């Protein structure tokens, strides 16, 4: 089982692909999303979003925004998002 993840900024798609785990900081604290997670809508705070997949980890810096989880699809929308050095895709 995998998550389908899409990370978008206000002006472009930043990253998309499959993942086994997504970790992000919300107004309620850090949250980890695994396959089978219940539907969720969370407000992101400034910080890192970590997307882990088969042998890779993508780290992106976001300025806030929101995270939506529904049926193993994770959508992360931020005003600004930048993928860190050493990440792929």
Protein backbone atom coordinates (compact mmCIF):
# COMPACT_ATOMS: atom_id res chain seq x y z
CA UNK A 1 0.00 0.00 0.00
CA UNK A 2 1.24 3.47 -0.83
CA UNK A 3 0.17 7.06 -0.53
CA UNK A 4 -0.21 9.26 -3.60
CA UNK A 5 1.26 12.63 -2.66
CA UNK A 6 1.04 15.99 -4.38
CA UNK A 7 2.84 19.06 -3.03
CA UNK A 8 1.84 22.32 -4.69
CA UNK A 9 2.73 25.97 -4.19
CA UNK A 10 0.52 28.87 -5.23
CA UNK A 11 2.29 29.12 -8.59
CA UNK A 12 3.38 25.55 -9.46
CA UNK A 13 3.46 21.85 -8.68
CA UNK A 14 6.53 21.27 -6.51
CA UNK A 15 6.57 17.46 -6.16
CA UNK A 16 4.32 14.48 -6.76
CA UNK A 17 4.72 10.74 -6.44
CA UNK A 18 4.14 7.72 -4.26
CA UNK A 19 5.20 7.56 -0.63
CA UNK A 20 5.01 5.28 2.38
CA UNK A 21 4.84 8.12 4.94
CA UNK A 22 4.32 11.89 5.14
CA UNK A 23 5.22 13.95 8.21
CA UNK A 24 4.19 17.61 8.56
CA UNK A 25 3.72 20.25 11.26
CA UNK A 26 0.17 21.48 11.81
CA UNK A 27 -1.35 23.97 14.21
CA UNK A 28 -2.10 20.95 16.46
CA UNK A 29 1.48 19.61 16.34
CA UNK A 30 3.44 17.21 14.15
CA UNK A 31 1.41 14.59 12.31
CA UNK A 32 2.45 11.43 10.51
CA UNK A 33 0.36 10.04 7.67
CA UNK A 34 0.58 6.35 6.72
CA UNK A 35 -1.48 4.37 4.20
CA UNK A 36 -5.01 3.79 5.52
CA UNK A 37 -5.08 7.07 7.49
CA UNK A 38 -8.53 8.47 8.24
CA UNK A 39 -9.65 11.49 6.17
CA UNK A 40 -8.14 14.68 7.53
CA UNK A 41 -7.86 18.38 6.80
CA UNK A 42 -5.07 20.12 8.71
CA UNK A 43 -3.69 23.66 8.76
CA UNK A 44 0.08 23.69 8.25
CA UNK A 45 2.49 25.98 10.05
CA UNK A 46 5.83 27.15 8.70
CA UNK A 47 8.30 24.27 8.73
CA UNK A 48 9.31 21.06 7.00
CA UNK A 49 7.25 18.44 5.26
CA UNK A 50 9.01 15.07 5.01
CA UNK A 51 7.87 12.59 2.36
CA UNK A 52 9.35 9.09 2.61
CA UNK A 53 9.18 6.51 -0.14
CA UNK A 54 10.97 3.46 -1.45
CA UNK A 55 14.59 4.39 -0.74
CA UNK A 56 14.12 8.16 -0.93
CA UNK A 57 13.16 10.99 1.35
CA UNK A 58 12.01 14.37 0.08
CA UNK A 59 12.13 17.33 2.44
CA UNK A 60 10.33 20.54 1.58
CA UNK A 61 10.12 23.83 3.43
CA UNK A 62 6.61 25.33 3.47
CA UNK A 63 5.30 28.70 4.67
CA UNK A 64 2.04 27.29 5.97
CA UNK A 65 -1.00 26.18 4.05
CA UNK A 66 -3.07 23.04 4.44
CA UNK A 67 -2.84 19.27 4.17
CA UNK A 68 -5.68 17.05 3.01
CA UNK A 69 -5.83 13.26 3.35
CA UNK A 70 -8.52 11.17 1.65
CA UNK A 71 -8.37 7.55 0.45
CA UNK A 72 -4.53 7.34 0.56
CA UNK A 73 -4.20 10.59 -1.39
CA UNK A 74 -2.30 13.38 0.38
CA UNK A 75 -2.50 16.90 -1.02
CA UNK A 76 -0.29 19.59 0.47
CA UNK A 77 -1.00 23.18 -0.61
CA UNK A 78 1.28 26.02 0.48
CA UNK A 79 1.74 29.61 -0.61
CA UNK A 80 5.45 28.86 -1.01
CA UNK A 81 7.20 25.48 -0.97
CA UNK A 82 10.80 24.60 -1.79
CA UNK A 83 12.23 21.10 -2.01
CA UNK A 84 15.51 20.84 -0.09
CA UNK A 85 18.91 19.86 -1.50
CA UNK A 86 19.46 16.16 -1.96
CA UNK A 87 15.81 15.39 -2.70
CA UNK A 88 14.71 13.85 -5.93
CA UNK A 89 11.72 14.00 -8.31
